[in-house]
N, C-alpha and C. Protein backbone atom coordinates (compact mmCIF):
# COMPACT_ATOMS: atom_id res chain seq x y z
N MET A 1 -25.85 -39.17 118.00
CA MET A 1 -26.34 -38.19 117.04
C MET A 1 -27.45 -38.82 116.21
N LYS A 2 -28.61 -38.15 116.09
CA LYS A 2 -29.72 -38.69 115.32
C LYS A 2 -29.41 -38.62 113.83
N PRO A 3 -30.01 -39.55 113.04
CA PRO A 3 -29.73 -39.58 111.60
C PRO A 3 -29.99 -38.27 110.89
N SER A 4 -31.05 -37.53 111.27
CA SER A 4 -31.37 -36.27 110.59
C SER A 4 -30.27 -35.24 110.80
N TYR A 5 -29.69 -35.20 112.00
CA TYR A 5 -28.60 -34.26 112.26
C TYR A 5 -27.33 -34.69 111.53
N LEU A 6 -27.16 -36.01 111.40
CA LEU A 6 -26.00 -36.53 110.66
C LEU A 6 -26.09 -36.12 109.19
N LEU A 7 -27.29 -36.20 108.62
CA LEU A 7 -27.49 -35.78 107.22
C LEU A 7 -27.20 -34.30 107.05
N ALA A 8 -27.64 -33.48 108.00
CA ALA A 8 -27.40 -32.04 107.92
C ALA A 8 -25.91 -31.75 107.98
N ALA A 9 -25.20 -32.43 108.88
CA ALA A 9 -23.75 -32.22 109.00
C ALA A 9 -23.04 -32.63 107.72
N THR A 10 -23.49 -33.75 107.11
CA THR A 10 -22.89 -34.21 105.86
C THR A 10 -23.11 -33.21 104.73
N ALA A 11 -24.33 -32.65 104.67
CA ALA A 11 -24.65 -31.68 103.62
C ALA A 11 -23.77 -30.45 103.73
N PHE A 12 -23.57 -29.94 104.95
CA PHE A 12 -22.74 -28.75 105.12
C PHE A 12 -21.27 -29.05 104.90
N ALA A 13 -20.84 -30.26 105.22
CA ALA A 13 -19.45 -30.64 104.95
C ALA A 13 -19.21 -30.68 103.45
N ALA A 14 -20.20 -31.15 102.70
CA ALA A 14 -20.06 -31.21 101.25
C ALA A 14 -19.97 -29.82 100.64
N LEU A 15 -20.62 -28.83 101.28
CA LEU A 15 -20.54 -27.45 100.78
C LEU A 15 -19.10 -26.98 100.72
N GLY A 16 -18.32 -27.35 101.70
CA GLY A 16 -16.93 -26.92 101.75
C GLY A 16 -16.06 -27.56 100.70
N THR A 17 -16.54 -28.68 100.10
CA THR A 17 -15.71 -29.37 99.12
C THR A 17 -15.92 -28.84 97.71
N VAL A 18 -16.96 -28.03 97.48
CA VAL A 18 -17.20 -27.49 96.15
C VAL A 18 -16.27 -26.30 95.94
N SER A 19 -15.42 -26.38 94.95
CA SER A 19 -14.46 -25.29 94.73
C SER A 19 -14.46 -24.87 93.27
N PRO A 20 -14.19 -23.60 92.99
CA PRO A 20 -14.17 -23.13 91.62
C PRO A 20 -12.94 -23.63 90.88
N ALA A 21 -13.01 -23.59 89.57
CA ALA A 21 -11.86 -24.00 88.76
C ALA A 21 -10.71 -23.04 88.98
N SER A 22 -9.48 -23.55 88.85
CA SER A 22 -8.32 -22.72 89.16
C SER A 22 -7.81 -21.94 87.95
N ALA A 23 -8.15 -22.36 86.74
CA ALA A 23 -7.64 -21.67 85.55
C ALA A 23 -8.39 -20.35 85.35
N ALA A 24 -7.65 -19.34 84.96
CA ALA A 24 -8.27 -18.03 84.73
C ALA A 24 -9.07 -18.04 83.43
N THR A 25 -10.11 -17.23 83.40
CA THR A 25 -10.97 -17.10 82.24
C THR A 25 -10.68 -15.78 81.54
N LEU A 26 -10.64 -15.80 80.23
CA LEU A 26 -10.46 -14.58 79.45
C LEU A 26 -11.76 -13.77 79.54
N ILE A 27 -11.69 -12.61 80.20
CA ILE A 27 -12.86 -11.72 80.30
C ILE A 27 -13.12 -11.06 78.96
N GLY A 28 -12.04 -10.61 78.32
CA GLY A 28 -12.18 -9.96 77.02
C GLY A 28 -10.90 -9.27 76.62
N THR A 29 -10.89 -8.76 75.41
CA THR A 29 -9.76 -8.00 74.89
C THR A 29 -10.22 -6.56 74.73
N PHE A 30 -9.48 -5.65 75.34
CA PHE A 30 -9.86 -4.24 75.40
C PHE A 30 -8.85 -3.38 74.66
N SER A 31 -9.31 -2.31 74.07
CA SER A 31 -8.39 -1.41 73.37
C SER A 31 -7.72 -0.47 74.37
N GLY A 32 -6.55 0.03 74.00
CA GLY A 32 -5.84 0.97 74.85
C GLY A 32 -4.84 0.30 75.76
N ASN A 33 -4.38 1.07 76.78
CA ASN A 33 -3.39 0.57 77.73
C ASN A 33 -4.07 -0.09 78.91
N ASP A 34 -3.38 -1.08 79.49
CA ASP A 34 -3.94 -1.77 80.64
C ASP A 34 -3.69 -1.03 81.94
N CYS A 35 -2.91 0.02 81.90
CA CYS A 35 -2.63 0.77 83.12
C CYS A 35 -2.21 2.18 82.72
N THR A 36 -2.94 3.17 83.22
CA THR A 36 -2.57 4.56 82.94
C THR A 36 -2.35 5.29 84.26
N GLY A 37 -1.48 6.25 84.27
CA GLY A 37 -1.17 6.98 85.49
C GLY A 37 -0.21 6.21 86.37
N SER A 38 -0.29 6.42 87.66
CA SER A 38 0.60 5.76 88.61
C SER A 38 0.31 4.26 88.65
N PHE A 39 1.36 3.44 88.53
CA PHE A 39 1.18 1.99 88.50
C PHE A 39 0.51 1.49 89.78
N SER A 40 0.88 2.05 90.92
CA SER A 40 0.32 1.60 92.20
C SER A 40 -1.17 1.93 92.33
N ASN A 41 -1.68 2.82 91.48
CA ASN A 41 -3.10 3.18 91.53
C ASN A 41 -3.93 2.48 90.46
N CYS A 42 -3.30 1.67 89.62
CA CYS A 42 -4.05 0.94 88.59
C CYS A 42 -4.90 -0.14 89.24
N PHE A 43 -6.06 -0.42 88.64
CA PHE A 43 -6.91 -1.48 89.18
C PHE A 43 -7.68 -2.14 88.05
N ALA A 44 -8.03 -3.40 88.28
CA ALA A 44 -8.77 -4.18 87.29
C ALA A 44 -10.17 -4.46 87.80
N THR A 45 -11.11 -4.52 86.88
CA THR A 45 -12.48 -4.93 87.19
C THR A 45 -12.95 -5.85 86.07
N GLN A 46 -14.16 -6.35 86.21
CA GLN A 46 -14.73 -7.19 85.16
C GLN A 46 -14.97 -6.41 83.87
N SER A 47 -14.91 -5.09 83.96
CA SER A 47 -15.14 -4.24 82.78
C SER A 47 -13.85 -3.73 82.15
N GLY A 48 -12.71 -4.18 82.65
CA GLY A 48 -11.43 -3.73 82.12
C GLY A 48 -10.56 -3.15 83.22
N VAL A 49 -9.47 -2.52 82.82
CA VAL A 49 -8.53 -1.94 83.77
C VAL A 49 -8.70 -0.42 83.79
N ASN A 50 -8.61 0.16 85.00
CA ASN A 50 -8.74 1.61 85.18
C ASN A 50 -10.10 2.13 84.75
N VAL A 51 -11.14 1.37 85.02
CA VAL A 51 -12.49 1.85 84.71
C VAL A 51 -13.28 2.00 85.99
N ALA A 52 -14.15 2.99 86.03
CA ALA A 52 -14.94 3.25 87.23
C ALA A 52 -16.16 2.34 87.27
N GLY A 53 -16.60 2.02 88.48
CA GLY A 53 -17.81 1.23 88.65
C GLY A 53 -17.59 -0.24 88.34
N GLY A 54 -18.67 -0.99 88.32
CA GLY A 54 -18.58 -2.41 88.00
C GLY A 54 -18.28 -3.23 89.22
N ALA A 55 -17.08 -3.77 89.30
CA ALA A 55 -16.74 -4.72 90.35
C ALA A 55 -15.82 -4.13 91.40
N LEU A 56 -15.48 -4.95 92.36
CA LEU A 56 -14.55 -4.57 93.41
C LEU A 56 -13.21 -4.21 92.80
N ALA A 57 -12.65 -3.09 93.21
CA ALA A 57 -11.36 -2.66 92.66
C ALA A 57 -10.26 -3.65 93.00
N SER A 58 -9.34 -3.83 92.08
CA SER A 58 -8.23 -4.76 92.26
C SER A 58 -6.95 -4.06 91.85
N SER A 59 -6.11 -3.72 92.81
CA SER A 59 -4.93 -2.92 92.48
C SER A 59 -3.80 -3.75 91.89
N ALA A 60 -3.02 -3.09 91.04
CA ALA A 60 -1.89 -3.74 90.38
C ALA A 60 -0.86 -4.17 91.42
N VAL A 61 -0.25 -5.31 91.20
CA VAL A 61 0.77 -5.84 92.10
C VAL A 61 2.15 -5.74 91.47
N ILE A 62 2.28 -6.29 90.25
CA ILE A 62 3.59 -6.37 89.62
C ILE A 62 3.43 -6.44 88.10
N LYS A 63 4.44 -5.94 87.39
CA LYS A 63 4.43 -5.96 85.92
C LYS A 63 5.76 -6.50 85.42
N PHE A 64 5.69 -7.39 84.43
CA PHE A 64 6.89 -7.93 83.79
C PHE A 64 6.91 -7.52 82.33
N ASN A 65 8.11 -7.28 81.83
CA ASN A 65 8.29 -6.97 80.42
C ASN A 65 7.85 -8.17 79.58
N GLY A 66 7.49 -7.88 78.31
CA GLY A 66 7.14 -8.96 77.40
C GLY A 66 8.37 -9.70 76.91
N ASN A 67 8.20 -10.46 75.85
CA ASN A 67 9.32 -11.26 75.35
C ASN A 67 10.30 -10.45 74.50
N GLN A 68 9.95 -9.20 74.18
CA GLN A 68 10.87 -8.35 73.43
C GLN A 68 11.64 -7.44 74.38
N ALA A 69 12.91 -7.28 74.16
CA ALA A 69 13.72 -6.40 75.01
C ALA A 69 13.19 -4.98 74.94
N ASP A 70 13.10 -4.33 76.09
CA ASP A 70 12.59 -2.97 76.16
C ASP A 70 13.59 -2.12 76.94
N GLY A 71 14.48 -1.44 76.24
CA GLY A 71 15.52 -0.66 76.90
C GLY A 71 16.48 -1.57 77.65
N ASN A 72 16.64 -1.32 78.94
CA ASN A 72 17.54 -2.13 79.75
C ASN A 72 16.86 -3.33 80.38
N ILE A 73 15.57 -3.50 80.13
CA ILE A 73 14.83 -4.61 80.73
C ILE A 73 14.93 -5.83 79.83
N PRO A 74 15.44 -6.95 80.34
CA PRO A 74 15.55 -8.15 79.50
C PRO A 74 14.18 -8.76 79.23
N PRO A 75 14.05 -9.59 78.20
CA PRO A 75 12.77 -10.25 77.92
C PRO A 75 12.24 -10.98 79.16
N LEU A 76 10.95 -10.78 79.46
CA LEU A 76 10.26 -11.35 80.61
C LEU A 76 10.84 -10.89 81.94
N GLY A 77 11.64 -9.82 81.91
CA GLY A 77 12.23 -9.29 83.13
C GLY A 77 11.28 -8.42 83.93
N LEU A 78 11.60 -8.21 85.19
CA LEU A 78 10.80 -7.37 86.09
C LEU A 78 10.77 -5.93 85.58
N ASP A 79 9.56 -5.38 85.49
CA ASP A 79 9.40 -4.01 85.01
C ASP A 79 9.04 -3.07 86.15
N GLU A 80 7.99 -3.42 86.93
CA GLU A 80 7.51 -2.53 87.98
C GLU A 80 6.85 -3.32 89.09
N VAL A 81 6.99 -2.84 90.35
CA VAL A 81 6.30 -3.43 91.50
C VAL A 81 5.54 -2.31 92.20
N SER A 82 4.31 -2.58 92.58
CA SER A 82 3.50 -1.58 93.27
C SER A 82 4.04 -1.31 94.67
N SER A 83 3.97 -0.06 95.08
CA SER A 83 4.38 0.31 96.43
C SER A 83 3.39 -0.20 97.48
N ASN A 84 2.22 -0.69 97.03
CA ASN A 84 1.23 -1.23 97.95
C ASN A 84 1.61 -2.60 98.50
N TYR A 85 2.59 -3.27 97.86
CA TYR A 85 2.94 -4.64 98.24
C TYR A 85 4.45 -4.75 98.45
N PRO A 86 4.96 -4.26 99.58
CA PRO A 86 6.41 -4.25 99.80
C PRO A 86 7.04 -5.63 99.90
N SER A 87 6.25 -6.67 100.17
CA SER A 87 6.82 -8.02 100.29
C SER A 87 7.09 -8.66 98.93
N VAL A 88 6.48 -8.13 97.86
CA VAL A 88 6.64 -8.72 96.52
C VAL A 88 7.97 -8.28 95.92
N THR A 89 8.75 -9.24 95.44
CA THR A 89 10.07 -8.94 94.86
C THR A 89 10.16 -9.31 93.38
N GLY A 90 9.27 -10.16 92.91
CA GLY A 90 9.36 -10.69 91.55
C GLY A 90 9.89 -12.10 91.54
N GLY A 91 10.63 -12.46 92.59
CA GLY A 91 11.17 -13.81 92.68
C GLY A 91 10.10 -14.87 92.90
N GLU A 92 8.88 -14.43 93.20
CA GLU A 92 7.77 -15.37 93.39
C GLU A 92 7.26 -15.94 92.07
N PHE A 93 7.71 -15.35 90.95
CA PHE A 93 7.19 -15.73 89.64
C PHE A 93 8.23 -16.44 88.78
N ALA A 94 7.76 -17.44 88.06
CA ALA A 94 8.54 -18.05 86.97
C ALA A 94 7.73 -17.79 85.71
N ARG A 95 8.38 -17.33 84.63
CA ARG A 95 7.67 -16.93 83.43
C ARG A 95 8.32 -17.56 82.20
N ALA A 96 7.50 -17.88 81.21
CA ALA A 96 8.02 -18.45 79.97
C ALA A 96 7.10 -18.06 78.81
N PHE A 97 7.71 -17.88 77.65
CA PHE A 97 6.92 -17.59 76.44
C PHE A 97 7.46 -18.41 75.29
N ASN A 98 6.58 -19.15 74.62
CA ASN A 98 6.95 -19.94 73.45
C ASN A 98 6.50 -19.17 72.21
N SER A 99 7.45 -18.59 71.50
CA SER A 99 7.09 -17.76 70.34
C SER A 99 6.59 -18.60 69.17
N THR A 100 6.86 -19.89 69.17
CA THR A 100 6.36 -20.76 68.09
C THR A 100 4.86 -21.01 68.24
N THR A 101 4.44 -21.30 69.47
CA THR A 101 3.01 -21.55 69.73
C THR A 101 2.27 -20.31 70.20
N ASN A 102 3.00 -19.25 70.52
CA ASN A 102 2.43 -17.99 71.02
C ASN A 102 1.73 -18.20 72.36
N VAL A 103 2.31 -19.05 73.20
CA VAL A 103 1.73 -19.36 74.50
C VAL A 103 2.60 -18.78 75.62
N PHE A 104 1.97 -17.99 76.50
CA PHE A 104 2.64 -17.44 77.68
C PHE A 104 2.21 -18.26 78.89
N SER A 105 3.17 -18.65 79.73
CA SER A 105 2.83 -19.41 80.93
C SER A 105 3.62 -18.87 82.11
N PHE A 106 3.08 -19.11 83.30
CA PHE A 106 3.75 -18.62 84.51
C PHE A 106 3.32 -19.45 85.70
N THR A 107 4.11 -19.38 86.76
CA THR A 107 3.72 -19.90 88.07
C THR A 107 3.99 -18.80 89.09
N TYR A 108 3.18 -18.80 90.14
CA TYR A 108 3.30 -17.81 91.21
C TYR A 108 3.34 -18.56 92.53
N THR A 109 4.42 -18.38 93.28
CA THR A 109 4.57 -19.01 94.59
C THR A 109 4.66 -17.90 95.62
N PRO A 110 3.51 -17.50 96.20
CA PRO A 110 3.51 -16.37 97.13
C PRO A 110 4.24 -16.69 98.42
N GLY A 111 4.96 -15.69 98.93
CA GLY A 111 5.61 -15.81 100.22
C GLY A 111 4.76 -15.17 101.29
N ALA A 112 5.29 -15.09 102.50
CA ALA A 112 4.55 -14.49 103.61
C ALA A 112 4.23 -13.04 103.30
N GLY A 113 2.98 -12.67 103.44
CA GLY A 113 2.55 -11.29 103.20
C GLY A 113 2.25 -10.96 101.75
N ASP A 114 2.53 -11.89 100.83
CA ASP A 114 2.24 -11.62 99.41
C ASP A 114 0.75 -11.77 99.14
N PRO A 115 0.20 -10.93 98.24
CA PRO A 115 -1.24 -10.97 97.99
C PRO A 115 -1.64 -12.15 97.11
N ALA A 116 -2.92 -12.48 97.16
CA ALA A 116 -3.49 -13.43 96.21
C ALA A 116 -3.69 -12.70 94.89
N LEU A 117 -3.56 -13.40 93.79
CA LEU A 117 -3.77 -12.82 92.47
C LEU A 117 -5.08 -13.34 91.89
N HIS A 118 -5.88 -12.43 91.32
CA HIS A 118 -7.14 -12.84 90.72
C HIS A 118 -7.32 -12.33 89.29
N TYR A 119 -6.47 -11.41 88.87
CA TYR A 119 -6.52 -10.90 87.50
C TYR A 119 -5.10 -10.85 86.94
N PHE A 120 -4.97 -10.97 85.61
CA PHE A 120 -3.74 -10.56 84.95
C PHE A 120 -4.10 -10.07 83.55
N ALA A 121 -3.31 -9.10 83.09
CA ALA A 121 -3.55 -8.49 81.78
C ALA A 121 -2.29 -8.63 80.94
N ILE A 122 -2.48 -9.00 79.68
CA ILE A 122 -1.36 -9.12 78.74
C ILE A 122 -1.55 -8.08 77.65
N LYS A 123 -0.57 -7.21 77.50
CA LYS A 123 -0.64 -6.11 76.52
C LYS A 123 0.04 -6.54 75.23
N GLN A 124 -0.66 -6.37 74.12
CA GLN A 124 -0.08 -6.68 72.81
C GLN A 124 -0.61 -5.64 71.83
N GLY A 125 0.32 -4.94 71.16
CA GLY A 125 -0.09 -3.92 70.21
C GLY A 125 -0.87 -2.81 70.89
N ARG A 126 -2.05 -2.50 70.36
CA ARG A 126 -2.87 -1.41 70.91
C ARG A 126 -4.02 -1.92 71.77
N SER A 127 -3.90 -3.13 72.26
CA SER A 127 -4.96 -3.68 73.11
C SER A 127 -4.37 -4.60 74.18
N TYR A 128 -5.19 -5.01 75.12
CA TYR A 128 -4.75 -5.94 76.16
C TYR A 128 -5.85 -6.96 76.43
N ALA A 129 -5.42 -8.17 76.78
CA ALA A 129 -6.34 -9.25 77.14
C ALA A 129 -6.37 -9.33 78.66
N LEU A 130 -7.57 -9.40 79.23
CA LEU A 130 -7.72 -9.44 80.69
C LEU A 130 -8.30 -10.79 81.11
N TYR A 131 -7.63 -11.43 82.08
CA TYR A 131 -8.02 -12.74 82.58
C TYR A 131 -8.41 -12.63 84.05
N TYR A 132 -9.35 -13.50 84.49
CA TYR A 132 -9.83 -13.45 85.86
C TYR A 132 -10.11 -14.85 86.40
N SER A 133 -9.89 -15.04 87.69
CA SER A 133 -10.27 -16.28 88.37
C SER A 133 -10.73 -15.92 89.79
N ALA A 134 -11.86 -16.49 90.22
CA ALA A 134 -12.34 -16.29 91.59
C ALA A 134 -11.40 -16.95 92.58
N ALA A 135 -10.83 -18.09 92.19
CA ALA A 135 -9.84 -18.76 93.03
C ALA A 135 -8.49 -18.09 92.81
N PRO A 136 -7.64 -18.05 93.82
CA PRO A 136 -6.31 -17.44 93.63
C PRO A 136 -5.56 -18.11 92.48
N ILE A 137 -4.95 -17.29 91.63
CA ILE A 137 -4.20 -17.81 90.48
C ILE A 137 -2.77 -18.11 90.91
N LEU A 138 -2.38 -19.37 90.77
CA LEU A 138 -1.02 -19.78 91.10
C LEU A 138 -0.22 -20.17 89.87
N SER A 139 -0.91 -20.49 88.78
CA SER A 139 -0.23 -20.79 87.52
C SER A 139 -1.26 -20.74 86.40
N ASP A 140 -0.79 -20.51 85.20
CA ASP A 140 -1.67 -20.54 84.05
C ASP A 140 -0.83 -20.58 82.79
N SER A 141 -1.49 -20.92 81.70
CA SER A 141 -0.86 -20.96 80.39
C SER A 141 -1.90 -20.48 79.39
N VAL A 142 -1.60 -19.39 78.67
CA VAL A 142 -2.60 -18.79 77.78
C VAL A 142 -2.06 -18.66 76.36
N ASP A 143 -2.94 -18.96 75.41
CA ASP A 143 -2.62 -18.86 73.99
C ASP A 143 -3.00 -17.44 73.53
N LEU A 144 -2.01 -16.65 73.18
CA LEU A 144 -2.29 -15.26 72.79
C LEU A 144 -3.01 -15.17 71.45
N ASP A 145 -2.93 -16.20 70.62
CA ASP A 145 -3.69 -16.20 69.38
C ASP A 145 -5.20 -16.18 69.66
N ILE A 146 -5.61 -16.87 70.73
CA ILE A 146 -7.03 -16.88 71.10
C ILE A 146 -7.45 -15.51 71.61
N ALA A 147 -6.60 -14.90 72.41
CA ALA A 147 -6.94 -13.59 73.00
C ALA A 147 -6.97 -12.48 71.96
N PHE A 148 -6.00 -12.49 71.05
CA PHE A 148 -5.86 -11.35 70.14
C PHE A 148 -6.27 -11.66 68.70
N GLY A 149 -6.53 -12.91 68.39
CA GLY A 149 -6.97 -13.26 67.05
C GLY A 149 -5.95 -12.96 65.98
N GLU A 150 -4.66 -13.04 66.33
CA GLU A 150 -3.61 -12.79 65.36
C GLU A 150 -2.42 -13.69 65.69
N THR A 151 -1.46 -13.70 64.83
CA THR A 151 -0.35 -14.64 65.01
C THR A 151 0.98 -13.94 65.29
N THR A 152 0.96 -12.70 65.73
CA THR A 152 2.21 -12.04 66.09
C THR A 152 2.82 -12.77 67.27
N ASP A 153 4.14 -12.91 67.25
CA ASP A 153 4.80 -13.75 68.25
C ASP A 153 5.46 -12.93 69.36
N ASP A 154 4.83 -11.83 69.76
CA ASP A 154 5.39 -11.05 70.86
C ASP A 154 4.29 -10.35 71.64
N PHE A 155 4.65 -9.85 72.80
CA PHE A 155 3.73 -9.04 73.59
C PHE A 155 4.55 -8.03 74.38
N SER A 156 3.91 -6.94 74.76
CA SER A 156 4.60 -5.83 75.41
C SER A 156 4.93 -6.13 76.87
N HIS A 157 3.90 -6.51 77.66
CA HIS A 157 4.11 -6.78 79.08
C HIS A 157 2.91 -7.52 79.65
N VAL A 158 3.07 -8.02 80.86
CA VAL A 158 1.98 -8.68 81.59
C VAL A 158 1.92 -8.07 82.99
N THR A 159 0.70 -7.74 83.43
CA THR A 159 0.49 -7.13 84.75
C THR A 159 -0.43 -8.03 85.57
N PHE A 160 -0.09 -8.20 86.84
CA PHE A 160 -0.88 -9.02 87.75
C PHE A 160 -1.58 -8.13 88.78
N PHE A 161 -2.82 -8.48 89.11
CA PHE A 161 -3.66 -7.71 90.04
C PHE A 161 -4.15 -8.63 91.16
N ASN A 162 -4.50 -8.01 92.31
CA ASN A 162 -4.76 -8.86 93.47
C ASN A 162 -6.22 -9.24 93.74
N SER A 163 -7.12 -8.30 93.96
CA SER A 163 -8.43 -8.61 94.54
C SER A 163 -9.34 -9.35 93.58
N ARG A 164 -10.49 -9.78 94.13
CA ARG A 164 -11.44 -10.52 93.31
C ARG A 164 -12.83 -9.92 93.47
N VAL A 165 -13.69 -10.21 92.52
CA VAL A 165 -15.08 -9.76 92.64
C VAL A 165 -15.79 -10.73 93.56
N PRO A 166 -16.91 -10.31 94.18
CA PRO A 166 -17.67 -11.24 95.02
C PRO A 166 -18.07 -12.46 94.20
N ALA A 167 -17.78 -13.64 94.74
CA ALA A 167 -18.04 -14.89 94.01
C ALA A 167 -19.53 -15.16 93.90
N VAL A 168 -19.96 -15.61 92.73
CA VAL A 168 -21.34 -16.06 92.53
C VAL A 168 -21.33 -17.57 92.67
N PRO A 169 -22.14 -18.13 93.57
CA PRO A 169 -22.11 -19.59 93.77
C PRO A 169 -22.38 -20.34 92.47
N GLU A 170 -21.66 -21.44 92.27
CA GLU A 170 -21.86 -22.29 91.11
C GLU A 170 -23.12 -23.12 91.31
N PRO A 171 -23.68 -23.72 90.22
CA PRO A 171 -24.92 -24.51 90.36
C PRO A 171 -24.80 -25.63 91.39
N GLY A 172 -23.64 -26.28 91.44
CA GLY A 172 -23.44 -27.36 92.42
C GLY A 172 -23.52 -26.84 93.84
N THR A 173 -22.99 -25.65 94.05
CA THR A 173 -23.03 -25.04 95.38
C THR A 173 -24.47 -24.72 95.78
N TRP A 174 -25.23 -24.14 94.83
CA TRP A 174 -26.64 -23.85 95.11
C TRP A 174 -27.39 -25.12 95.48
N ALA A 175 -27.17 -26.21 94.73
CA ALA A 175 -27.87 -27.47 95.00
C ALA A 175 -27.54 -27.99 96.40
N MET A 176 -26.28 -27.92 96.78
CA MET A 176 -25.89 -28.40 98.11
C MET A 176 -26.47 -27.50 99.20
N MET A 177 -26.53 -26.19 98.96
CA MET A 177 -27.11 -25.29 99.95
C MET A 177 -28.59 -25.59 100.15
N ILE A 178 -29.32 -25.79 99.05
CA ILE A 178 -30.76 -26.06 99.15
C ILE A 178 -30.99 -27.39 99.87
N LEU A 179 -30.18 -28.40 99.53
CA LEU A 179 -30.29 -29.69 100.20
C LEU A 179 -30.00 -29.55 101.70
N GLY A 180 -28.97 -28.81 102.03
CA GLY A 180 -28.62 -28.61 103.44
C GLY A 180 -29.72 -27.93 104.22
N PHE A 181 -30.30 -26.86 103.64
CA PHE A 181 -31.38 -26.17 104.32
C PHE A 181 -32.62 -27.07 104.46
N GLY A 182 -32.87 -27.89 103.43
CA GLY A 182 -34.00 -28.82 103.49
C GLY A 182 -33.84 -29.84 104.60
N VAL A 183 -32.62 -30.37 104.74
CA VAL A 183 -32.35 -31.36 105.78
C VAL A 183 -32.50 -30.73 107.16
N ILE A 184 -31.98 -29.52 107.33
CA ILE A 184 -32.09 -28.83 108.62
C ILE A 184 -33.56 -28.54 108.94
N GLY A 185 -34.30 -28.05 107.94
CA GLY A 185 -35.72 -27.78 108.16
C GLY A 185 -36.48 -29.04 108.55
N GLY A 186 -36.18 -30.15 107.87
CA GLY A 186 -36.84 -31.42 108.20
C GLY A 186 -36.49 -31.88 109.60
N ALA A 187 -35.23 -31.71 109.98
CA ALA A 187 -34.81 -32.12 111.33
C ALA A 187 -35.50 -31.28 112.39
N LEU A 188 -35.63 -29.97 112.16
CA LEU A 188 -36.31 -29.10 113.13
C LEU A 188 -37.79 -29.44 113.23
N ARG A 189 -38.41 -29.73 112.10
CA ARG A 189 -39.84 -30.07 112.11
C ARG A 189 -40.07 -31.37 112.85
N ARG A 190 -39.20 -32.34 112.63
CA ARG A 190 -39.32 -33.63 113.29
C ARG A 190 -39.12 -33.50 114.79
N SER A 191 -38.18 -32.65 115.20
CA SER A 191 -37.92 -32.50 116.64
C SER A 191 -39.09 -31.83 117.34
N ARG A 192 -39.87 -31.00 116.62
CA ARG A 192 -41.04 -30.36 117.21
C ARG A 192 -42.14 -31.37 117.50
N LYS A 193 -42.25 -32.40 116.65
CA LYS A 193 -43.30 -33.39 116.82
C LYS A 193 -43.02 -34.31 118.01
N GLN A 194 -41.78 -34.47 118.37
CA GLN A 194 -41.42 -35.37 119.44
C GLN A 194 -41.42 -34.62 120.78
N ARG A 195 -42.59 -34.30 121.24
CA ARG A 195 -42.72 -33.59 122.50
C ARG A 195 -42.92 -34.59 123.63
N VAL A 196 -42.43 -34.24 124.77
CA VAL A 196 -42.55 -35.10 125.95
C VAL A 196 -43.86 -34.76 126.65
N THR A 197 -44.65 -35.77 126.93
CA THR A 197 -45.90 -35.58 127.65
C THR A 197 -45.72 -36.14 129.06
N LEU A 198 -46.04 -35.36 130.07
CA LEU A 198 -45.91 -35.79 131.46
C LEU A 198 -47.25 -36.31 131.96
N HIS A 199 -47.22 -37.44 132.60
CA HIS A 199 -48.43 -38.04 133.19
C HIS A 199 -48.28 -38.01 134.70
N TYR A 200 -49.30 -37.54 135.39
CA TYR A 200 -49.27 -37.48 136.86
C TYR A 200 -50.07 -38.66 137.41
N ALA A 201 -49.51 -39.35 138.38
CA ALA A 201 -50.18 -40.49 138.98
C ALA A 201 -51.05 -40.08 140.15
């Protein structure tokens, strides 16, 4: 293998190693409910939940009660599962809430056929905080004081959503892509100059 082709292969291999951060980002805090109408038809976008336009639709997967008892549902207990995801049972999630620090944390261990999660919404009072990650969310820990700007030590419920918006390459990814294309272009240009000339005796 010639050195120029080796450089090109190395550049493209490096592209595969650039990965987005795994922690979800707070998109914003929105007024109203995080899900209206049929739970299985709820969807999240970069502009909020149940809004038209914007990003790729992301349907609701599962909802858990908040830390306060709600009827027969125990604190942090299973509230609703979408009919779109029959493999999801709720057992894939571990949930915890520290009312002293106002921090909610969870882990998600998907089983066969379970969807990837890219959004979750936490409802508190008359608003909800919406979080997003381009990488599948498997665990997170969020401070509700940051999301809601208050010190109330409870929340109504948390809802998880599946799909993601089309990823925008990070600066490191762009740099590696440009380097890779440059190396390939240089290798092609060099190979054109090395033409074989035939001499007849």
